[in-house]
PDB file of all heavy atoms in Angstrom:
ATOM      1  N   PHE A   1      57.561  85.059 103.146  1.00  0.00           N
ATOM      2  CA  PHE A   1      57.017  86.389 102.846  1.00  0.00           C
ATOM      3  C   PHE A   1      55.524  86.320 102.551  1.00  0.00           C
ATOM      4  O   PHE A   1      54.746  87.175 102.966  1.00  0.00           O
ATOM      5  CB  PHE A   1      57.771  86.999 101.664  1.00  0.00           C
ATOM      6  CG  PHE A   1      57.154  88.263 101.134  1.00  0.00           C
ATOM      7  CD1 PHE A   1      57.345  89.474 101.782  1.00  0.00           C
ATOM      8  CD2 PHE A   1      56.374  88.240  99.985  1.00  0.00           C
ATOM      9  CE1 PHE A   1      56.774  90.631 101.298  1.00  0.00           C
ATOM     10  CE2 PHE A   1      55.802  89.401  99.485  1.00  0.00           C
ATOM     11  CZ  PHE A   1      56.008  90.600 100.145  1.00  0.00           C
ATOM     12  N   TYR A   2      55.117  85.297 101.824  1.00  0.00           N
ATOM     13  CA  TYR A   2      53.714  85.167 101.443  1.00  0.00           C
ATOM     14  C   TYR A   2      52.843  84.629 102.573  1.00  0.00           C
ATOM     15  O   TYR A   2      51.629  84.879 102.589  1.00  0.00           O
ATOM     16  CB  TYR A   2      53.589  84.231 100.241  1.00  0.00           C
ATOM     17  CG  TYR A   2      53.905  84.880  98.918  1.00  0.00           C
ATOM     18  CD1 TYR A   2      55.207  84.922  98.439  1.00  0.00           C
ATOM     19  CD2 TYR A   2      52.904  85.444  98.132  1.00  0.00           C
ATOM     20  CE1 TYR A   2      55.506  85.506  97.212  1.00  0.00           C
ATOM     21  CE2 TYR A   2      53.189  86.033  96.910  1.00  0.00           C
ATOM     22  CZ  TYR A   2      54.493  86.068  96.460  1.00  0.00           C
ATOM     23  OH  TYR A   2      54.778  86.653  95.245  1.00  0.00           O
ATOM     24  N   THR A   3      53.402  83.895 103.492  1.00  0.00           N
ATOM     25  CA  THR A   3      52.597  83.209 104.500  1.00  0.00           C
ATOM     26  C   THR A   3      52.631  83.855 105.874  1.00  0.00           C
ATOM     27  O   THR A   3      51.891  83.435 106.766  1.00  0.00           O
ATOM     28  CB  THR A   3      53.069  81.745 104.636  1.00  0.00           C
ATOM     29  OG1 THR A   3      54.466  81.713 104.958  1.00  0.00           O
ATOM     30  CG2 THR A   3      52.844  80.987 103.336  1.00  0.00           C
ATOM     31  N   THR A   4      53.471  84.858 106.082  1.00  0.00           N
ATOM     32  CA  THR A   4      53.616  85.486 107.392  1.00  0.00           C
ATOM     33  C   THR A   4      52.765  86.751 107.479  1.00  0.00           C
ATOM     34  O   THR A   4      52.706  87.532 106.535  1.00  0.00           O
ATOM     35  CB  THR A   4      55.100  85.854 107.663  1.00  0.00           C
ATOM     36  OG1 THR A   4      55.888  84.669 107.573  1.00  0.00           O
ATOM     37  CG2 THR A   4      55.257  86.466 109.042  1.00  0.00           C
ATOM     38  N   ARG A   5      52.131  86.953 108.639  1.00  0.00           N
ATOM     39  CA  ARG A   5      51.308  88.142 108.855  1.00  0.00           C
ATOM     40  C   ARG A   5      51.896  89.078 109.905  1.00  0.00           C
ATOM     41  O   ARG A   5      51.601  90.267 109.913  1.00  0.00           O
ATOM     42  CB  ARG A   5      49.897  87.737 109.296  1.00  0.00           C
ATOM     43  CG  ARG A   5      49.140  86.914 108.266  1.00  0.00           C
ATOM     44  CD  ARG A   5      47.671  86.869 108.578  1.00  0.00           C
ATOM     45  NE  ARG A   5      46.927  86.026 107.653  1.00  0.00           N
ATOM     46  CZ  ARG A   5      45.605  86.077 107.502  1.00  0.00           C
ATOM     47  NH1 ARG A   5      44.907  86.931 108.218  1.00  0.00           N
ATOM     48  NH2 ARG A   5      44.995  85.283 106.638  1.00  0.00           N
ATOM     49  N   ASP A   6      52.712  88.564 110.785  1.00  0.00           N
ATOM     50  CA  ASP A   6      53.267  89.377 111.858  1.00  0.00           C
ATOM     51  C   ASP A   6      54.245  90.413 111.282  1.00  0.00           C
ATOM     52  O   ASP A   6      55.152  90.070 110.524  1.00  0.00           O
ATOM     53  CB  ASP A   6      53.993  88.486 112.875  1.00  0.00           C
ATOM     54  CG  ASP A   6      54.515  89.275 114.050  1.00  0.00           C
ATOM     55  OD1 ASP A   6      53.707  89.717 114.880  1.00  0.00           O
ATOM     56  OD2 ASP A   6      55.751  89.466 114.123  1.00  0.00           O
ATOM     57  N   ASP A   7      54.046  91.688 111.660  1.00  0.00           N
ATOM     58  CA  ASP A   7      54.866  92.766 111.106  1.00  0.00           C
ATOM     59  C   ASP A   7      56.334  92.633 111.487  1.00  0.00           C
ATOM     60  O   ASP A   7      57.227  92.880 110.670  1.00  0.00           O
ATOM     61  CB  ASP A   7      54.332  94.129 111.576  1.00  0.00           C
ATOM     62  CG  ASP A   7      52.987  94.454 110.949  1.00  0.00           C
ATOM     63  OD1 ASP A   7      52.710  93.939 109.847  1.00  0.00           O
ATOM     64  OD2 ASP A   7      52.221  95.227 111.548  1.00  0.00           O
ATOM     65  N   ALA A   8      56.605  92.242 112.734  1.00  0.00           N
ATOM     66  CA  ALA A   8      57.997  92.107 113.178  1.00  0.00           C
ATOM     67  C   ALA A   8      58.715  91.006 112.395  1.00  0.00           C
ATOM     68  O   ALA A   8      59.856  91.181 111.951  1.00  0.00           O
ATOM     69  CB  ALA A   8      58.044  91.810 114.679  1.00  0.00           C
ATOM     70  N   LYS A   9      58.029  89.890 112.200  1.00  0.00           N
ATOM     71  CA  LYS A   9      58.632  88.794 111.438  1.00  0.00           C
ATOM     72  C   LYS A   9      58.811  89.171 109.971  1.00  0.00           C
ATOM     73  O   LYS A   9      59.784  88.766 109.325  1.00  0.00           O
ATOM     74  CB  LYS A   9      57.773  87.538 111.564  1.00  0.00           C
ATOM     75  CG  LYS A   9      57.785  86.921 112.956  1.00  0.00           C
ATOM     76  CD  LYS A   9      56.975  85.639 113.004  1.00  0.00           C
ATOM     77  CE  LYS A   9      57.018  85.021 114.388  1.00  0.00           C
ATOM     78  NZ  LYS A   9      56.198  83.773 114.472  1.00  0.00           N
ATOM     79  N   LEU A  10      57.880  89.957 109.449  1.00  0.00           N
ATOM     80  CA  LEU A  10      58.008  90.401 108.065  1.00  0.00           C
ATOM     81  C   LEU A  10      59.231  91.298 107.880  1.00  0.00           C
ATOM     82  O   LEU A  10      59.903  91.233 106.840  1.00  0.00           O
ATOM     83  CB  LEU A  10      56.742  91.145 107.631  1.00  0.00           C
ATOM     84  CG  LEU A  10      55.528  90.271 107.313  1.00  0.00           C
ATOM     85  CD1 LEU A  10      54.293  91.123 107.127  1.00  0.00           C
ATOM     86  CD2 LEU A  10      55.790  89.436 106.058  1.00  0.00           C
ATOM     87  N   ARG A  11      59.503  92.123 108.873  1.00  0.00           N
ATOM     88  CA  ARG A  11      60.714  92.959 108.798  1.00  0.00           C
ATOM     89  C   ARG A  11      61.971  92.089 108.828  1.00  0.00           C
ATOM     90  O   ARG A  11      62.947  92.366 108.126  1.00  0.00           O
ATOM     91  CB  ARG A  11      60.721  93.981 109.937  1.00  0.00           C
ATOM     92  CG  ARG A  11      59.730  95.126 109.740  1.00  0.00           C
ATOM     93  CD  ARG A  11      59.957  96.231 110.740  1.00  0.00           C
ATOM     94  NE  ARG A  11      59.630  95.826 112.104  1.00  0.00           N
ATOM     95  CZ  ARG A  11      58.442  95.971 112.656  1.00  0.00           C
ATOM     96  NH1 ARG A  11      57.437  96.497 111.951  1.00  0.00           N
ATOM     97  NH2 ARG A  11      58.208  95.602 113.899  1.00  0.00           N
ATOM     98  N   GLU A  12      61.939  91.041 109.659  1.00  0.00           N
ATOM     99  CA  GLU A  12      63.075  90.115 109.693  1.00  0.00           C
ATOM    100  C   GLU A  12      63.244  89.403 108.346  1.00  0.00           C
ATOM    101  O   GLU A  12      64.367  89.220 107.867  1.00  0.00           O
ATOM    102  CB  GLU A  12      62.872  89.088 110.812  1.00  0.00           C
ATOM    103  CG  GLU A  12      62.891  89.679 112.220  1.00  0.00           C
ATOM    104  CD  GLU A  12      62.591  88.637 113.281  1.00  0.00           C
ATOM    105  OE1 GLU A  12      62.423  87.450 112.898  1.00  0.00           O
ATOM    106  OE2 GLU A  12      62.529  88.978 114.467  1.00  0.00           O
ATOM    107  N   ILE A  13      62.129  89.016 107.750  1.00  0.00           N
ATOM    108  CA  ILE A  13      62.178  88.349 106.451  1.00  0.00           C
ATOM    109  C   ILE A  13      62.730  89.294 105.387  1.00  0.00           C
ATOM    110  O   ILE A  13      63.531  88.890 104.530  1.00  0.00           O
ATOM    111  CB  ILE A  13      60.779  87.842 106.056  1.00  0.00           C
ATOM    112  CG1 ILE A  13      60.339  86.709 107.002  1.00  0.00           C
ATOM    113  CG2 ILE A  13      60.744  87.378 104.609  1.00  0.00           C
ATOM    114  CD1 ILE A  13      58.874  86.337 106.862  1.00  0.00           C
ATOM    115  N   ALA A  14      62.318  90.553 105.437  1.00  0.00           N
ATOM    116  CA  ALA A  14      62.814  91.537 104.467  1.00  0.00           C
ATOM    117  C   ALA A  14      64.319  91.722 104.597  1.00  0.00           C
ATOM    118  O   ALA A  14      65.040  91.807 103.593  1.00  0.00           O
ATOM    119  CB  ALA A  14      62.097  92.866 104.664  1.00  0.00           C
ATOM    120  N   THR A  15      64.813  91.761 105.840  1.00  0.00           N
ATOM    121  CA  THR A  15      66.250  91.902 106.068  1.00  0.00           C
ATOM    122  C   THR A  15      67.007  90.681 105.555  1.00  0.00           C
ATOM    123  O   THR A  15      68.036  90.799 104.865  1.00  0.00           O
ATOM    124  CB  THR A  15      66.534  92.105 107.561  1.00  0.00           C
ATOM    125  OG1 THR A  15      65.840  93.275 108.026  1.00  0.00           O
ATOM    126  CG2 THR A  15      68.023  92.297 107.810  1.00  0.00           C
ATOM    127  N   ALA A  16      66.492  89.494 105.883  1.00  0.00           N
ATOM    128  CA  ALA A  16      67.141  88.259 105.433  1.00  0.00           C
ATOM    129  C   ALA A  16      67.120  88.150 103.913  1.00  0.00           C
ATOM    130  O   ALA A  16      68.108  87.728 103.292  1.00  0.00           O
ATOM    131  CB  ALA A  16      66.446  87.051 106.060  1.00  0.00           C
ATOM    132  N   THR A  17      66.021  88.542 103.306  1.00  0.00           N
ATOM    133  CA  THR A  17      65.910  88.500 101.842  1.00  0.00           C
ATOM    134  C   THR A  17      66.927  89.427 101.197  1.00  0.00           C
ATOM    135  O   THR A  17      67.586  89.071 100.213  1.00  0.00           O
ATOM    136  CB  THR A  17      64.490  88.883 101.398  1.00  0.00           C
ATOM    137  OG1 THR A  17      63.553  87.965 101.962  1.00  0.00           O
ATOM    138  CG2 THR A  17      64.361  88.856  99.888  1.00  0.00           C
ATOM    139  N   SER A  18      67.050  90.634 101.735  1.00  0.00           N
ATOM    140  CA  SER A  18      68.010  91.598 101.191  1.00  0.00           C
ATOM    141  C   SER A  18      69.443  91.078 101.295  1.00  0.00           C
ATOM    142  O   SER A  18      70.238  91.208 100.349  1.00  0.00           O
ATOM    143  CB  SER A  18      67.882  92.931 101.924  1.00  0.00           C
ATOM    144  OG  SER A  18      68.796  93.878 101.438  1.00  0.00           O
ATOM    145  N   MET A  19      69.775  90.470 102.424  1.00  0.00           N
ATOM    146  CA  MET A  19      71.124  89.915 102.596  1.00  0.00           C
ATOM    147  C   MET A  19      71.382  88.768 101.625  1.00  0.00           C
ATOM    148  O   MET A  19      72.456  88.663 101.026  1.00  0.00           O
ATOM    149  CB  MET A  19      71.302  89.446 104.041  1.00  0.00           C
ATOM    150  CG  MET A  19      71.308  90.564 105.075  1.00  0.00           C
ATOM    151  SD  MET A  19      71.387  89.953 106.781  1.00  0.00           S
ATOM    152  CE  MET A  19      72.949  89.072 106.751  1.00  0.00           C
ATOM    153  N   LEU A  20      70.389  87.904 101.447  1.00  0.00           N
ATOM    154  CA  LEU A  20      70.537  86.786 100.514  1.00  0.00           C
ATOM    155  C   LEU A  20      70.692  87.274  99.077  1.00  0.00           C
ATOM    156  O   LEU A  20      71.461  86.700  98.294  1.00  0.00           O
ATOM    157  CB  LEU A  20      69.342  85.842 100.624  1.00  0.00           C
ATOM    158  CG  LEU A  20      69.340  84.897 101.823  1.00  0.00           C
ATOM    159  CD1 LEU A  20      67.984  84.208 101.946  1.00  0.00           C
ATOM    160  CD2 LEU A  20      70.445  83.846 101.678  1.00  0.00           C
ATOM    161  N   GLN A  21      69.970  88.323  98.726  1.00  0.00           N
ATOM    162  CA  GLN A  21      70.088  88.874  97.381  1.00  0.00           C
ATOM    163  C   GLN A  21      71.505  89.387  97.126  1.00  0.00           C
ATOM    164  O   GLN A  21      72.059  89.182  96.038  1.00  0.00           O
ATOM    165  CB  GLN A  21      69.066  89.987  97.175  1.00  0.00           C
ATOM    166  CG  GLN A  21      67.643  89.481  97.025  1.00  0.00           C
ATOM    167  CD  GLN A  21      66.648  90.617  96.889  1.00  0.00           C
ATOM    168  OE1 GLN A  21      66.906  91.745  97.312  1.00  0.00           O
ATOM    169  NE2 GLN A  21      65.504  90.331  96.291  1.00  0.00           N
ATOM    170  N   THR A  22      72.068  90.044  98.135  1.00  0.00           N
ATOM    171  CA  THR A  22      73.446  90.536  98.004  1.00  0.00           C
ATOM    172  C   THR A  22      74.413  89.369  97.824  1.00  0.00           C
ATOM    173  O   THR A  22      75.320  89.415  96.970  1.00  0.00           O
ATOM    174  CB  THR A  22      73.830  91.357  99.237  1.00  0.00           C
ATOM    175  OG1 THR A  22      72.915  92.459  99.384  1.00  0.00           O
ATOM    176  CG2 THR A  22      75.250  91.905  99.110  1.00  0.00           C
ATOM    177  N   GLU A  23      74.223  88.334  98.616  1.00  0.00           N
ATOM    178  CA  GLU A  23      75.102  87.166  98.523  1.00  0.00           C
ATOM    179  C   GLU A  23      74.912  86.432  97.191  1.00  0.00           C
ATOM    180  O   GLU A  23      75.890  85.944  96.598  1.00  0.00           O
ATOM    181  CB  GLU A  23      74.835  86.220  99.688  1.00  0.00           C
ATOM    182  CG  GLU A  23      75.217  86.787 101.053  1.00  0.00           C
ATOM    183  CD  GLU A  23      74.941  85.790 102.179  1.00  0.00           C
ATOM    184  OE1 GLU A  23      75.046  84.587 101.926  1.00  0.00           O
ATOM    185  OE2 GLU A  23      74.605  86.237 103.288  1.00  0.00           O
ATOM    186  N   LEU A  24      73.680  86.350  96.718  1.00  0.00           N
ATOM    187  CA  LEU A  24      73.419  85.669  95.451  1.00  0.00           C
ATOM    188  C   LEU A  24      74.092  86.383  94.284  1.00  0.00           C
ATOM    189  O   LEU A  24      74.711  85.751  93.418  1.00  0.00           O
ATOM    190  CB  LEU A  24      71.906  85.587  95.211  1.00  0.00           C
ATOM    191  CG  LEU A  24      71.147  84.499  95.975  1.00  0.00           C
ATOM    192  CD1 LEU A  24      69.647  84.739  95.896  1.00  0.00           C
ATOM    193  CD2 LEU A  24      71.493  83.115  95.415  1.00  0.00           C
ATOM    194  N   TRP A  25      73.990  87.687  94.275  1.00  0.00           N
ATOM    195  CA  TRP A  25      74.622  88.428  93.178  1.00  0.00           C
ATOM    196  C   TRP A  25      76.145  88.325  93.259  1.00  0.00           C
ATOM    197  O   TRP A  25      76.801  88.167  92.223  1.00  0.00           O
ATOM    198  CB  TRP A  25      74.184  89.884  93.194  1.00  0.00           C
ATOM    199  CG  TRP A  25      74.736  90.648  92.033  1.00  0.00           C
ATOM    200  CD1 TRP A  25      75.728  91.572  92.045  1.00  0.00           C
ATOM    201  CD2 TRP A  25      74.351  90.484  90.670  1.00  0.00           C
ATOM    202  NE1 TRP A  25      75.982  92.023  90.771  1.00  0.00           N
ATOM    203  CE2 TRP A  25      75.148  91.373  89.907  1.00  0.00           C
ATOM    204  CE3 TRP A  25      73.416  89.678  90.015  1.00  0.00           C
ATOM    205  CZ2 TRP A  25      75.034  91.470  88.525  1.00  0.00           C
ATOM    206  CZ3 TRP A  25      73.295  89.784  88.640  1.00  0.00           C
ATOM    207  CH2 TRP A  25      74.098  90.663  87.906  1.00  0.00           C
ATOM    208  N   ALA A  26      76.669  88.394  94.458  1.00  0.00           N
ATOM    209  CA  ALA A  26      78.121  88.256  94.609  1.00  0.00           C
ATOM    210  C   ALA A  26      78.586  86.872  94.173  1.00  0.00           C
ATOM    211  O   ALA A  26      79.684  86.722  93.607  1.00  0.00           O
ATOM    212  CB  ALA A  26      78.521  88.519  96.061  1.00  0.00           C
ATOM    213  N   ALA A  27      77.738  85.856  94.394  1.00  0.00           N
ATOM    214  CA  ALA A  27      78.116  84.484  94.046  1.00  0.00           C
ATOM    215  C   ALA A  27      78.215  84.278  92.541  1.00  0.00           C
ATOM    216  O   ALA A  27      78.984  83.435  92.070  1.00  0.00           O
ATOM    217  CB  ALA A  27      77.110  83.503  94.639  1.00  0.00           C
ATOM    218  N   VAL A  28      77.430  85.035  91.756  1.00  0.00           N
ATOM    219  CA  VAL A  28      77.527  84.895  90.296  1.00  0.00           C
ATOM    220  C   VAL A  28      78.422  85.972  89.681  1.00  0.00           C
ATOM    221  O   VAL A  28      78.941  85.787  88.568  1.00  0.00           O
ATOM    222  CB  VAL A  28      76.127  84.954  89.640  1.00  0.00           C
ATOM    223  CG1 VAL A  28      75.269  83.813  90.131  1.00  0.00           C
ATOM    224  CG2 VAL A  28      75.443  86.286  89.889  1.00  0.00           C
ATOM    225  N   GLU A  29      78.588  87.083  90.403  1.00  0.00           N
ATOM    226  CA  GLU A  29      79.419  88.166  89.875  1.00  0.00           C
ATOM    227  C   GLU A  29      80.888  87.756  89.797  1.00  0.00           C
ATOM    228  O   GLU A  29      81.576  88.044  88.805  1.00  0.00           O
ATOM    229  CB  GLU A  29      79.269  89.411  90.752  1.00  0.00           C
ATOM    230  CG  GLU A  29      80.049  90.624  90.243  1.00  0.00           C
ATOM    231  CD  GLU A  29      79.913  91.812  91.170  1.00  0.00           C
ATOM    232  OE1 GLU A  29      79.764  91.585  92.399  1.00  0.00           O
ATOM    233  OE2 GLU A  29      79.958  92.950  90.684  1.00  0.00           O
ATOM    234  N   GLY A  30      81.365  87.064  90.852  1.00  0.00           N
ATOM    235  CA  GLY A  30      82.763  86.648  90.882  1.00  0.00           C
ATOM    236  C   GLY A  30      83.137  85.762  89.704  1.00  0.00           C
ATOM    237  O   GLY A  30      84.071  86.084  88.945  1.00  0.00           O
ATOM    238  N   PRO A  31      82.433  84.653  89.491  1.00  0.00           N
ATOM    239  CA  PRO A  31      82.759  83.795  88.346  1.00  0.00           C
ATOM    240  C   PRO A  31      82.591  84.501  86.999  1.00  0.00           C
ATOM    241  O   PRO A  31      83.358  84.252  86.065  1.00  0.00           O
ATOM    242  CB  PRO A  31      81.762  82.642  88.483  1.00  0.00           C
ATOM    243  CG  PRO A  31      81.401  82.608  89.918  1.00  0.00           C
ATOM    244  CD  PRO A  31      81.426  84.028  90.372  1.00  0.00           C
ATOM    245  N   ALA A  32      81.593  85.370  86.892  1.00  0.00           N
ATOM    246  CA  ALA A  32      81.367  86.067  85.625  1.00  0.00           C
ATOM    247  C   ALA A  32      82.515  87.013  85.298  1.00  0.00           C
ATOM    248  O   ALA A  32      82.894  87.158  84.130  1.00  0.00           O
ATOM    249  CB  ALA A  32      80.051  86.822  85.674  1.00  0.00           C
ATOM    250  N   LEU A  33      83.052  87.674  86.326  1.00  0.00           N
ATOM    251  CA  LEU A  33      84.186  88.574  86.096  1.00  0.00           C
ATOM    252  C   LEU A  33      85.478  87.802  85.885  1.00  0.00           C
ATOM    253  O   LEU A  33      86.330  88.219  85.091  1.00  0.00           O
ATOM    254  CB  LEU A  33      84.333  89.529  87.285  1.00  0.00           C
ATOM    255  CG  LEU A  33      83.202  90.556  87.472  1.00  0.00           C
ATOM    256  CD1 LEU A  33      83.432  91.371  88.737  1.00  0.00           C
ATOM    257  CD2 LEU A  33      83.084  91.476  86.262  1.00  0.00           C
ATOM    258  N   ALA A  34      85.610  86.688  86.583  1.00  0.00           N
ATOM    259  CA  ALA A  34      86.838  85.897  86.444  1.00  0.00           C
ATOM    260  C   ALA A  34      86.912  85.224  85.076  1.00  0.00           C
ATOM    261  O   ALA A  34      87.973  85.178  84.447  1.00  0.00           O
ATOM    262  CB  ALA A  34      86.915  84.853  87.554  1.00  0.00           C
ATOM    263  N   GLN A  35      85.769  84.705  84.600  1.00  0.00           N
ATOM    264  CA  GLN A  35      85.716  84.047  83.290  1.00  0.00           C
ATOM    265  C   GLN A  35      84.487  84.553  82.524  1.00  0.00           C
ATOM    266  O   GLN A  35      83.421  83.932  82.558  1.00  0.00           O
ATOM    267  CB  GLN A  35      85.648  82.534  83.452  1.00  0.00           C
ATOM    268  CG  GLN A  35      86.868  81.920  84.111  1.00  0.00           C
ATOM    269  CD  GLN A  35      86.743  80.415  84.255  1.00  0.00           C
ATOM    270  OE1 GLN A  35      85.684  79.843  84.037  1.00  0.00           O
ATOM    271  NE2 GLN A  35      87.832  79.767  84.622  1.00  0.00           N
ATOM    272  N   PRO A  36      84.607  85.712  81.875  1.00  0.00           N
ATOM    273  CA  PRO A  36      83.463  86.299  81.161  1.00  0.00           C
ATOM    274  C   PRO A  36      83.109  85.559  79.877  1.00  0.00           C
ATOM    275  O   PRO A  36      83.497  85.929  78.784  1.00  0.00           O
ATOM    276  CB  PRO A  36      83.943  87.715  80.870  1.00  0.00           C
ATOM    277  CG  PRO A  36      85.428  87.631  80.835  1.00  0.00           C
ATOM    278  CD  PRO A  36      85.806  86.556  81.805  1.00  0.00           C
ATOM    279  N   THR A  37      82.366  84.478  80.047  1.00  0.00           N
ATOM    280  CA  THR A  37      81.940  83.645  78.918  1.00  0.00           C
ATOM    281  C   THR A  37      80.432  83.792  78.713  1.00  0.00           C
ATOM    282  O   THR A  37      79.710  84.281  79.612  1.00  0.00           O
ATOM    283  CB  THR A  37      82.272  82.174  79.193  1.00  0.00           C
ATOM    284  OG1 THR A  37      81.514  81.734  80.324  1.00  0.00           O
ATOM    285  CG2 THR A  37      83.767  81.999  79.465  1.00  0.00           C
ATOM    286  N   PRO A  38      79.914  83.367  77.566  1.00  0.00           N
ATOM    287  CA  PRO A  38      78.467  83.400  77.354  1.00  0.00           C
ATOM    288  C   PRO A  38      77.699  82.612  78.405  1.00  0.00           C
ATOM    289  O   PRO A  38      76.583  82.993  78.790  1.00  0.00           O
ATOM    290  CB  PRO A  38      78.298  82.781  75.959  1.00  0.00           C
ATOM    291  CG  PRO A  38      79.578  83.085  75.270  1.00  0.00           C
ATOM    292  CD  PRO A  38      80.636  82.987  76.329  1.00  0.00           C
ATOM    293  N   LEU A  39      78.273  81.531  78.908  1.00  0.00           N
ATOM    294  CA  LEU A  39      77.588  80.729  79.924  1.00  0.00           C
ATOM    295  C   LEU A  39      77.483  81.477  81.246  1.00  0.00           C
ATOM    296  O   LEU A  39      76.435  81.461  81.902  1.00  0.00           O
ATOM    297  CB  LEU A  39      78.334  79.401  80.117  1.00  0.00           C
ATOM    298  CG  LEU A  39      78.275  78.415  78.953  1.00  0.00           C
ATOM    299  CD1 LEU A  39      79.068  77.161  79.277  1.00  0.00           C
ATOM    300  CD2 LEU A  39      76.832  78.069  78.609  1.00  0.00           C
ATOM    301  N   SER A  40      78.576  82.136  81.642  1.00  0.00           N
ATOM    302  CA  SER A  40      78.532  82.906  82.892  1.00  0.00           C
ATOM    303  C   SER A  40      77.594  84.094  82.756  1.00  0.00           C
ATOM    304  O   SER A  40      76.922  84.489  83.718  1.00  0.00           O
ATOM    305  CB  SER A  40      79.935  83.369  83.283  1.00  0.00           C
ATOM    306  OG  SER A  40      80.471  84.240  82.296  1.00  0.00           O
TER     307      SER A  40
END
């Protein structure tokens, strides 16, 4: 994101970033709901 200047590639990066954010939250949401501990 910081090193790319091409607009088309930046749009691709934005899409990939958004998808990764969704996956990252889902990856911690599942364990937190399954075992709601202070560590989770």
